[in-house]
């Protein structure tokens, strides 16, 4: 079985400029978002390995959302991923 993270276009959910893929069996997610590089915006992928990591990252991003529109998209993606993983874990 291949990971849904391998093909974000087919398996991802888009929130503004951010794409998130969720692997329910592994209980993790990968968030792909543009971030400011030295000269221009560059894509960045971050994997969150547990619900605790997702919750912590969500708290940081929701705090930055007032001044950073990408942070708002990241927070929405993390909220979605956390809800999906939590529902899957409660159902099994």
PDB file of N, CA and C in Angstrom:
ATOM      1  N   UNK A   1       0.835  -1.172   0.000  1.00  0.00           N
ATOM      2  CA  UNK A   1       0.000   0.000   0.000  1.00  0.00           C
ATOM      3  C   UNK A   1       0.887   1.245   0.000  1.00  0.00           C
ATOM      4  N   UNK A   2       0.543   2.216  -0.818  1.00  0.00           N
ATOM      5  CA  UNK A   2       1.314   3.451  -0.870  1.00  0.00           C
ATOM      6  C   UNK A   2       0.672   4.500   0.025  1.00  0.00           C
ATOM      7  N   UNK A   3       1.491   5.403   0.452  1.00  0.00           N
ATOM      8  CA  UNK A   3       1.027   6.476   1.325  1.00  0.00           C
ATOM      9  C   UNK A   3       0.284   7.533   0.517  1.00  0.00           C
ATOM     10  N   UNK A   4      -0.768   8.101   1.081  1.00  0.00           N
ATOM     11  CA  UNK A   4      -1.464   9.190   0.392  1.00  0.00           C
ATOM     12  C   UNK A   4      -0.582  10.432   0.241  1.00  0.00           C
ATOM     13  N   UNK A   5       0.499  10.509   1.013  1.00  0.00           N
ATOM     14  CA  UNK A   5       1.392  11.655   0.935  1.00  0.00           C
ATOM     15  C   UNK A   5       2.183  11.671  -0.378  1.00  0.00           C
ATOM     16  N   UNK A   6       2.278  10.511  -1.043  1.00  0.00           N
ATOM     17  CA  UNK A   6       3.053  10.424  -2.285  1.00  0.00           C
ATOM     18  C   UNK A   6       2.399  11.189  -3.435  1.00  0.00           C
ATOM     19  N   UNK A   7       1.079  11.352  -3.394  1.00  0.00           N
ATOM     20  CA  UNK A   7       0.374  12.039  -4.480  1.00  0.00           C
ATOM     21  C   UNK A   7      -0.600  13.067  -3.904  1.00  0.00           C
ATOM     22  N   UNK A   8      -0.084  14.227  -3.518  1.00  0.00           N
ATOM     23  CA  UNK A   8      -0.958  15.231  -2.895  1.00  0.00           C
ATOM     24  C   UNK A   8      -2.024  15.781  -3.835  1.00  0.00           C
ATOM     25  N   UNK A   9      -1.772  15.755  -5.136  1.00  0.00           N
ATOM     26  CA  UNK A   9      -2.789  16.253  -6.065  1.00  0.00           C
ATOM     27  C   UNK A   9      -4.034  15.372  -6.054  1.00  0.00           C
ATOM     28  N   UNK A  10      -3.851  14.072  -5.948  1.00  0.00           N
ATOM     29  CA  UNK A  10      -4.980  13.145  -5.956  1.00  0.00           C
ATOM     30  C   UNK A  10      -5.579  12.940  -4.566  1.00  0.00           C
ATOM     31  N   UNK A  11      -4.741  12.984  -3.529  1.00  0.00           N
ATOM     32  CA  UNK A  11      -5.194  12.629  -2.186  1.00  0.00           C
ATOM     33  C   UNK A  11      -5.299  13.801  -1.232  1.00  0.00           C
ATOM     34  N   UNK A  12      -4.899  14.985  -1.672  1.00  0.00           N
ATOM     35  CA  UNK A  12      -4.860  16.127  -0.768  1.00  0.00           C
ATOM     36  C   UNK A  12      -6.149  16.914  -0.731  1.00  0.00           C
ATOM     37  N   UNK A  13      -6.253  17.689   0.306  1.00  0.00           N
ATOM     38  CA  UNK A  13      -7.365  18.623   0.475  1.00  0.00           C
ATOM     39  C   UNK A  13      -6.767  20.016   0.493  1.00  0.00           C
ATOM     40  N   UNK A  14      -7.332  20.930  -0.272  1.00  0.00           N
ATOM     41  CA  UNK A  14      -6.756  22.259  -0.434  1.00  0.00           C
ATOM     42  C   UNK A  14      -7.504  23.268   0.439  1.00  0.00           C
ATOM     43  N   UNK A  15      -6.719  24.086   1.138  1.00  0.00           N
ATOM     44  CA  UNK A  15      -7.237  25.188   1.942  1.00  0.00           C
ATOM     45  C   UNK A  15      -6.472  26.439   1.506  1.00  0.00           C
ATOM     46  N   UNK A  16      -7.066  27.216   0.624  1.00  0.00           N
ATOM     47  CA  UNK A  16      -6.380  28.407   0.108  1.00  0.00           C
ATOM     48  C   UNK A  16      -5.121  28.023  -0.640  1.00  0.00           C
ATOM     49  N   UNK A  17      -3.965  28.420  -0.112  1.00  0.00           N
ATOM     50  CA  UNK A  17      -2.675  28.115  -0.722  1.00  0.00           C
ATOM     51  C   UNK A  17      -2.035  26.845  -0.156  1.00  0.00           C
ATOM     52  N   UNK A  18      -2.723  26.151   0.743  1.00  0.00           N
ATOM     53  CA  UNK A  18      -2.158  25.026   1.482  1.00  0.00           C
ATOM     54  C   UNK A  18      -2.838  23.729   1.065  1.00  0.00           C
ATOM     55  N   UNK A  19      -2.034  22.670   0.942  1.00  0.00           N
ATOM     56  CA  UNK A  19      -2.554  21.331   0.669  1.00  0.00           C
ATOM     57  C   UNK A  19      -2.161  20.424   1.821  1.00  0.00           C
ATOM     58  N   UNK A  20      -3.109  19.633   2.294  1.00  0.00           N
ATOM     59  CA  UNK A  20      -2.834  18.680   3.368  1.00  0.00           C
ATOM     60  C   UNK A  20      -3.228  17.283   2.901  1.00  0.00           C
ATOM     61  N   UNK A  21      -2.373  16.314   3.206  1.00  0.00           N
ATOM     62  CA  UNK A  21      -2.713  14.913   2.980  1.00  0.00           C
ATOM     63  C   UNK A  21      -2.730  14.231   4.340  1.00  0.00           C
ATOM     64  N   UNK A  22      -3.677  13.334   4.521  1.00  0.00           N
ATOM     65  CA  UNK A  22      -3.855  12.649   5.800  1.00  0.00           C
ATOM     66  C   UNK A  22      -3.747  11.153   5.561  1.00  0.00           C
ATOM     67  N   UNK A  23      -2.898  10.494   6.329  1.00  0.00           N
ATOM     68  CA  UNK A  23      -2.787   9.032   6.303  1.00  0.00           C
ATOM     69  C   UNK A  23      -3.459   8.519   7.570  1.00  0.00           C
ATOM     70  N   UNK A  24      -4.686   8.056   7.433  1.00  0.00           N
ATOM     71  CA  UNK A  24      -5.463   7.636   8.602  1.00  0.00           C
ATOM     72  C   UNK A  24      -4.862   6.426   9.289  1.00  0.00           C
ATOM     73  N   UNK A  25      -4.303   5.500   8.518  1.00  0.00           N
ATOM     74  CA  UNK A  25      -3.722   4.296   9.119  1.00  0.00           C
ATOM     75  C   UNK A  25      -2.478   4.626   9.936  1.00  0.00           C
ATOM     76  N   UNK A  26      -1.660   5.549   9.445  1.00  0.00           N
ATOM     77  CA  UNK A  26      -0.447   5.943  10.171  1.00  0.00           C
ATOM     78  C   UNK A  26      -0.751   6.986  11.243  1.00  0.00           C
ATOM     79  N   UNK A  27      -1.869   7.692  11.108  1.00  0.00           N
ATOM     80  CA  UNK A  27      -2.233   8.727  12.069  1.00  0.00           C
ATOM     81  C   UNK A  27      -1.402   9.987  11.928  1.00  0.00           C
ATOM     82  N   UNK A  28      -0.967  10.274  10.686  1.00  0.00           N
ATOM     83  CA  UNK A  28      -0.163  11.471  10.479  1.00  0.00           C
ATOM     84  C   UNK A  28      -0.688  12.286   9.312  1.00  0.00           C
ATOM     85  N   UNK A  29      -0.109  13.471   9.126  1.00  0.00           N
ATOM     86  CA  UNK A  29      -0.484  14.322   8.002  1.00  0.00           C
ATOM     87  C   UNK A  29       0.741  15.083   7.510  1.00  0.00           C
ATOM     88  N   UNK A  30       0.670  15.511   6.261  1.00  0.00           N
ATOM     89  CA  UNK A  30       1.717  16.354   5.681  1.00  0.00           C
ATOM     90  C   UNK A  30       1.043  17.617   5.164  1.00  0.00           C
ATOM     91  N   UNK A  31       1.560  18.763   5.596  1.00  0.00           N
ATOM     92  CA  UNK A  31       1.057  20.062   5.173  1.00  0.00           C
ATOM     93  C   UNK A  31       2.072  20.659   4.209  1.00  0.00           C
ATOM     94  N   UNK A  32       1.595  21.038   3.029  1.00  0.00           N
ATOM     95  CA  UNK A  32       2.434  21.691   2.025  1.00  0.00           C
ATOM     96  C   UNK A  32       1.942  23.123   1.869  1.00  0.00           C
ATOM     97  N   UNK A  33       2.855  24.076   2.133  1.00  0.00           N
ATOM     98  CA  UNK A  33       2.472  25.486   2.110  1.00  0.00           C
ATOM     99  C   UNK A  33       3.614  26.335   1.580  1.00  0.00           C
ATOM    100  N   UNK A  34       3.281  27.438   0.897  1.00  0.00           N
ATOM    101  CA  UNK A  34       4.340  28.353   0.466  1.00  0.00           C
ATOM    102  C   UNK A  34       4.808  29.201   1.653  1.00  0.00           C
ATOM    103  N   UNK A  35       6.114  29.360   1.760  1.00  0.00           N
ATOM    104  CA  UNK A  35       6.685  30.202   2.807  1.00  0.00           C
ATOM    105  C   UNK A  35       7.702  31.132   2.174  1.00  0.00           C
ATOM    106  N   UNK A  36       7.957  32.239   2.792  1.00  0.00           N
ATOM    107  CA  UNK A  36       8.891  33.216   2.254  1.00  0.00           C
ATOM    108  C   UNK A  36      10.314  32.683   2.344  1.00  0.00           C
ATOM    109  N   UNK A  37      10.977  32.608   1.207  1.00  0.00           N
ATOM    110  CA  UNK A  37      12.384  32.247   1.156  1.00  0.00           C
ATOM    111  C   UNK A  37      13.227  33.503   1.145  1.00  0.00           C
ATOM    112  N   UNK A  38      14.487  33.363   0.787  1.00  0.00           N
ATOM    113  CA  UNK A  38      15.387  34.505   0.757  1.00  0.00           C
ATOM    114  C   UNK A  38      14.951  35.518  -0.296  1.00  0.00           C
ATOM    115  N   UNK A  39      14.565  35.009  -1.470  1.00  0.00           N
ATOM    116  CA  UNK A  39      14.201  35.898  -2.559  1.00  0.00           C
ATOM    117  C   UNK A  39      12.710  35.844  -2.894  1.00  0.00           C
ATOM    118  N   UNK A  40      12.137  34.654  -2.853  1.00  0.00           N
ATOM    119  CA  UNK A  40      10.746  34.475  -3.277  1.00  0.00           C
ATOM    120  C   UNK A  40      10.074  33.415  -2.402  1.00  0.00           C
ATOM    121  N   UNK A  41       8.796  33.220  -2.669  1.00  0.00           N
ATOM    122  CA  UNK A  41       8.051  32.177  -1.959  1.00  0.00           C
ATOM    123  C   UNK A  41       8.557  30.812  -2.430  1.00  0.00           C
ATOM    124  N   UNK A  42       8.718  29.885  -1.488  1.00  0.00           N
ATOM    125  CA  UNK A  42       9.161  28.532  -1.805  1.00  0.00           C
ATOM    126  C   UNK A  42       8.216  27.535  -1.144  1.00  0.00           C
ATOM    127  N   UNK A  43       7.991  26.382  -1.787  1.00  0.00           N
ATOM    128  CA  UNK A  43       7.122  25.379  -1.166  1.00  0.00           C
ATOM    129  C   UNK A  43       7.826  24.709   0.013  1.00  0.00           C
ATOM    130  N   UNK A  44       7.054  24.412   1.036  1.00  0.00           N
ATOM    131  CA  UNK A  44       7.601  23.746   2.215  1.00  0.00           C
ATOM    132  C   UNK A  44       6.631  22.674   2.670  1.00  0.00           C
ATOM    133  N   UNK A  45       7.152  21.489   2.959  1.00  0.00           N
ATOM    134  CA  UNK A  45       6.338  20.388   3.463  1.00  0.00           C
ATOM    135  C   UNK A  45       6.733  20.081   4.896  1.00  0.00           C
ATOM    136  N   UNK A  46       5.731  19.878   5.737  1.00  0.00           N
ATOM    137  CA  UNK A  46       5.969  19.528   7.133  1.00  0.00           C
ATOM    138  C   UNK A  46       5.079  18.352   7.497  1.00  0.00           C
ATOM    139  N   UNK A  47       5.676  17.311   8.082  1.00  0.00           N
ATOM    140  CA  UNK A  47       4.913  16.142   8.520  1.00  0.00           C
ATOM    141  C   UNK A  47       4.665  16.238  10.017  1.00  0.00           C
ATOM    142  N   UNK A  48       3.439  15.968  10.404  1.00  0.00           N
ATOM    143  CA  UNK A  48       3.044  15.921  11.808  1.00  0.00           C
ATOM    144  C   UNK A  48       2.680  14.478  12.119  1.00  0.00           C
ATOM    145  N   UNK A  49       3.361  13.893  13.107  1.00  0.00           N
ATOM    146  CA  UNK A  49       3.294  12.461  13.354  1.00  0.00           C
ATOM    147  C   UNK A  49       2.204  12.025  14.335  1.00  0.00           C
ATOM    148  N   UNK A  50       1.552  12.958  14.994  1.00  0.00           N
ATOM    149  CA  UNK A  50       0.549  12.566  15.987  1.00  0.00           C
ATOM    150  C   UNK A  50      -0.469  13.688  16.177  1.00  0.00           C
ATOM    151  N   UNK A  51      -1.552  13.339  16.844  1.00  0.00           N
ATOM    152  CA  UNK A  51      -2.563  14.356  17.157  1.00  0.00           C
ATOM    153  C   UNK A  51      -1.991  15.445  18.064  1.00  0.00           C
ATOM    154  N   UNK A  52      -1.103  15.079  18.971  1.00  0.00           N
ATOM    155  CA  UNK A  52      -0.493  16.083  19.852  1.00  0.00           C
ATOM    156  C   UNK A  52       0.317  17.097  19.052  1.00  0.00           C
ATOM    157  N   UNK A  53       1.086  16.619  18.059  1.00  0.00           N
ATOM    158  CA  UNK A  53       1.850  17.535  17.219  1.00  0.00           C
ATOM    159  C   UNK A  53       0.916  18.423  16.401  1.00  0.00           C
ATOM    160  N   UNK A  54      -0.146  17.846  15.884  1.00  0.00           N
ATOM    161  CA  UNK A  54      -1.105  18.615  15.088  1.00  0.00           C
ATOM    162  C   UNK A  54      -1.761  19.690  15.949  1.00  0.00           C
ATOM    163  N   UNK A  55      -2.161  19.334  17.157  1.00  0.00           N
ATOM    164  CA  UNK A  55      -2.791  20.309  18.061  1.00  0.00           C
ATOM    165  C   UNK A  55      -1.834  21.446  18.402  1.00  0.00           C
ATOM    166  N   UNK A  56      -0.584  21.114  18.693  1.00  0.00           N
ATOM    167  CA  UNK A  56       0.401  22.145  19.019  1.00  0.00           C
ATOM    168  C   UNK A  56       0.648  23.090  17.850  1.00  0.00           C
ATOM    169  N   UNK A  57       0.798  22.519  16.662  1.00  0.00           N
ATOM    170  CA  UNK A  57       1.021  23.342  15.473  1.00  0.00           C
ATOM    171  C   UNK A  57      -0.201  24.201  15.167  1.00  0.00           C
ATOM    172  N   UNK A  58      -1.394  23.651  15.390  1.00  0.00           N
ATOM    173  CA  UNK A  58      -2.622  24.418  15.167  1.00  0.00           C
ATOM    174  C   UNK A  58      -2.644  25.654  16.079  1.00  0.00           C
ATOM    175  N   UNK A  59      -2.278  25.479  17.344  1.00  0.00           N
ATOM    176  CA  UNK A  59      -2.286  26.607  18.286  1.00  0.00           C
ATOM    177  C   UNK A  59      -1.337  27.710  17.828  1.00  0.00           C
ATOM    178  N   UNK A  60      -0.166  27.323  17.318  1.00  0.00           N
ATOM    179  CA  UNK A  60       0.797  28.314  16.828  1.00  0.00           C
ATOM    180  C   UNK A  60       0.244  29.038  15.607  1.00  0.00           C
ATOM    181  N   UNK A  61      -0.291  28.284  14.658  1.00  0.00           N
ATOM    182  CA  UNK A  61      -0.763  28.885  13.410  1.00  0.00           C
ATOM    183  C   UNK A  61      -1.998  29.749  13.619  1.00  0.00           C
ATOM    184  N   UNK A  62      -2.900  29.340  14.477  1.00  0.00           N
ATOM    185  CA  UNK A  62      -4.096  30.152  14.717  1.00  0.00           C
ATOM    186  C   UNK A  62      -3.697  31.469  15.388  1.00  0.00           C
ATOM    187  N   UNK A  63      -2.631  31.455  16.180  1.00  0.00           N
ATOM    188  CA  UNK A  63      -2.129  32.690  16.778  1.00  0.00           C
ATOM    189  C   UNK A  63      -1.528  33.633  15.744  1.00  0.00           C
ATOM    190  N   UNK A  64      -0.938  33.080  14.690  1.00  0.00           N
ATOM    191  CA  UNK A  64      -0.331  33.887  13.630  1.00  0.00           C
ATOM    192  C   UNK A  64      -1.343  34.285  12.556  1.00  0.00           C
ATOM    193  N   UNK A  65      -2.522  33.700  12.578  1.00  0.00           N
ATOM    194  CA  UNK A  65      -3.502  33.887  11.503  1.00  0.00           C
ATOM    195  C   UNK A  65      -3.969  35.332  11.339  1.00  0.00           C
ATOM    196  N   UNK A  66      -3.927  36.107  12.385  1.00  0.00           N
ATOM    197  CA  UNK A  66      -4.395  37.488  12.296  1.00  0.00           C
ATOM    198  C   UNK A  66      -3.516  38.331  11.374  1.00  0.00           C
ATOM    199  N   UNK A  67      -2.246  37.984  11.266  1.00  0.00           N
ATOM    200  CA  UNK A  67      -1.330  38.778  10.454  1.00  0.00           C
ATOM    201  C   UNK A  67      -0.776  38.033   9.245  1.00  0.00           C
ATOM    202  N   UNK A  68      -1.009  36.738   9.151  1.00  0.00           N
ATOM    203  CA  UNK A  68      -0.440  35.930   8.068  1.00  0.00           C
ATOM    204  C   UNK A  68      -1.539  35.085   7.426  1.00  0.00           C
ATOM    205  N   UNK A  69      -1.955  35.408   6.204  1.00  0.00           N
ATOM    206  CA  UNK A  69      -3.042  34.653   5.570  1.00  0.00           C
ATOM    207  C   UNK A  69      -2.694  33.188   5.305  1.00  0.00           C
ATOM    208  N   UNK A  70      -1.430  32.891   5.085  1.00  0.00           N
ATOM    209  CA  UNK A  70      -1.042  31.485   4.881  1.00  0.00           C
ATOM    210  C   UNK A  70      -1.181  30.718   6.193  1.00  0.00           C
ATOM    211  N   UNK A  71      -0.883  31.353   7.311  1.00  0.00           N
ATOM    212  CA  UNK A  71      -1.038  30.708   8.615  1.00  0.00           C
ATOM    213  C   UNK A  71      -2.498  30.338   8.864  1.00  0.00           C
ATOM    214  N   UNK A  72      -3.415  31.183   8.403  1.00  0.00           N
ATOM    215  CA  UNK A  72      -4.841  30.869   8.542  1.00  0.00           C
ATOM    216  C   UNK A  72      -5.189  29.624   7.744  1.00  0.00           C
ATOM    217  N   UNK A  73      -4.638  29.500   6.530  1.00  0.00           N
ATOM    218  CA  UNK A  73      -4.869  28.310   5.706  1.00  0.00           C
ATOM    219  C   UNK A  73      -4.248  27.068   6.345  1.00  0.00           C
ATOM    220  N   UNK A  74      -3.047  27.227   6.918  1.00  0.00           N
ATOM    221  CA  UNK A  74      -2.388  26.102   7.587  1.00  0.00           C
ATOM    222  C   UNK A  74      -3.211  25.655   8.788  1.00  0.00           C
ATOM    223  N   UNK A  75      -3.726  26.602   9.549  1.00  0.00           N
ATOM    224  CA  UNK A  75      -4.556  26.260  10.713  1.00  0.00           C
ATOM    225  C   UNK A  75      -5.796  25.490  10.282  1.00  0.00           C
ATOM    226  N   UNK A  76      -6.432  25.908   9.202  1.00  0.00           N
ATOM    227  CA  UNK A  76      -7.615  25.200   8.705  1.00  0.00           C
ATOM    228  C   UNK A  76      -7.247  23.785   8.258  1.00  0.00           C
ATOM    229  N   UNK A  77      -6.109  23.638   7.602  1.00  0.00           N
ATOM    230  CA  UNK A  77      -5.665  22.315   7.157  1.00  0.00           C
ATOM    231  C   UNK A  77      -5.365  21.410   8.347  1.00  0.00           C
ATOM    232  N   UNK A  78      -4.707  21.954   9.371  1.00  0.00           N
ATOM    233  CA  UNK A  78      -4.397  21.158  10.559  1.00  0.00           C
ATOM    234  C   UNK A  78      -5.657  20.759  11.318  1.00  0.00           C
ATOM    235  N   UNK A  79      -6.618  21.664  11.385  1.00  0.00           N
ATOM    236  CA  UNK A  79      -7.888  21.348  12.051  1.00  0.00           C
ATOM    237  C   UNK A  79      -8.584  20.197  11.325  1.00  0.00           C
ATOM    238  N   UNK A  80      -8.626  20.269   9.993  1.00  0.00           N
ATOM    239  CA  UNK A  80      -9.223  19.208   9.189  1.00  0.00           C
ATOM    240  C   UNK A  80      -8.512  17.878   9.432  1.00  0.00           C
ATOM    241  N   UNK A  81      -7.186  17.889   9.371  1.00  0.00           N
ATOM    242  CA  UNK A  81      -6.411  16.661   9.553  1.00  0.00           C
ATOM    243  C   UNK A  81      -6.653  16.065  10.941  1.00  0.00           C
ATOM    244  N   UNK A  82      -6.629  16.913  11.960  1.00  0.00           N
ATOM    245  CA  UNK A  82      -6.863  16.434  13.322  1.00  0.00           C
ATOM    246  C   UNK A  82      -8.232  15.815  13.493  1.00  0.00           C
ATOM    247  N   UNK A  83      -9.242  16.433  12.913  1.00  0.00           N
ATOM    248  CA  UNK A  83     -10.601  15.886  13.006  1.00  0.00           C
ATOM    249  C   UNK A  83     -10.697  14.533  12.312  1.00  0.00           C
ATOM    250  N   UNK A  84     -10.073  14.415  11.135  1.00  0.00           N
ATOM    251  CA  UNK A  84     -10.114  13.158  10.391  1.00  0.00           C
ATOM    252  C   UNK A  84      -9.408  12.031  11.163  1.00  0.00           C
ATOM    253  N   UNK A  85      -8.240  12.313  11.691  1.00  0.00           N
ATOM    254  CA  UNK A  85      -7.472  11.306  12.424  1.00  0.00           C
ATOM    255  C   UNK A  85      -8.199  10.919  13.708  1.00  0.00           C
ATOM    256  N   UNK A  86      -8.714  11.896  14.430  1.00  0.00           N
ATOM    257  CA  UNK A  86      -9.416  11.607  15.683  1.00  0.00           C
ATOM    258  C   UNK A  86     -10.641  10.741  15.432  1.00  0.00           C
ATOM    259  N   UNK A  87     -11.418  11.070  14.404  1.00  0.00           N
ATOM    260  CA  UNK A  87     -12.610  10.277  14.073  1.00  0.00           C
ATOM    261  C   UNK A  87     -12.225   8.861  13.691  1.00  0.00           C
ATOM    262  N   UNK A  88     -11.143   8.700  12.944  1.00  0.00           N
ATOM    263  CA  UNK A  88     -10.694   7.368  12.547  1.00  0.00           C
ATOM    264  C   UNK A  88     -10.233   6.557  13.757  1.00  0.00           C
ATOM    265  N   UNK A  89      -9.499   7.188  14.663  1.00  0.00           N
ATOM    266  CA  UNK A  89      -9.003   6.480  15.841  1.00  0.00           C
ATOM    267  C   UNK A  89     -10.129   6.100  16.790  1.00  0.00           C
ATOM    268  N   UNK A  90     -11.154   6.921  16.889  1.00  0.00           N
ATOM    269  CA  UNK A  90     -12.287   6.609  17.753  1.00  0.00           C
ATOM    270  C   UNK A  90     -13.152   5.512  17.156  1.00  0.00           C
ATOM    271  N   UNK A  91     -13.144   5.416  15.821  1.00  0.00           N
ATOM    272  CA  UNK A  91     -13.955   4.419  15.134  1.00  0.00           C
ATOM    273  C   UNK A  91     -13.331   3.043  15.101  1.00  0.00           C
ATOM    274  N   UNK A  92     -12.004   2.956  15.364  1.00  0.00           N
ATOM    275  CA  UNK A  92     -11.333   1.658  15.317  1.00  0.00           C
ATOM    276  C   UNK A  92     -11.079   1.100  16.676  1.00  0.00           C
TER     277      UNK A  92
END
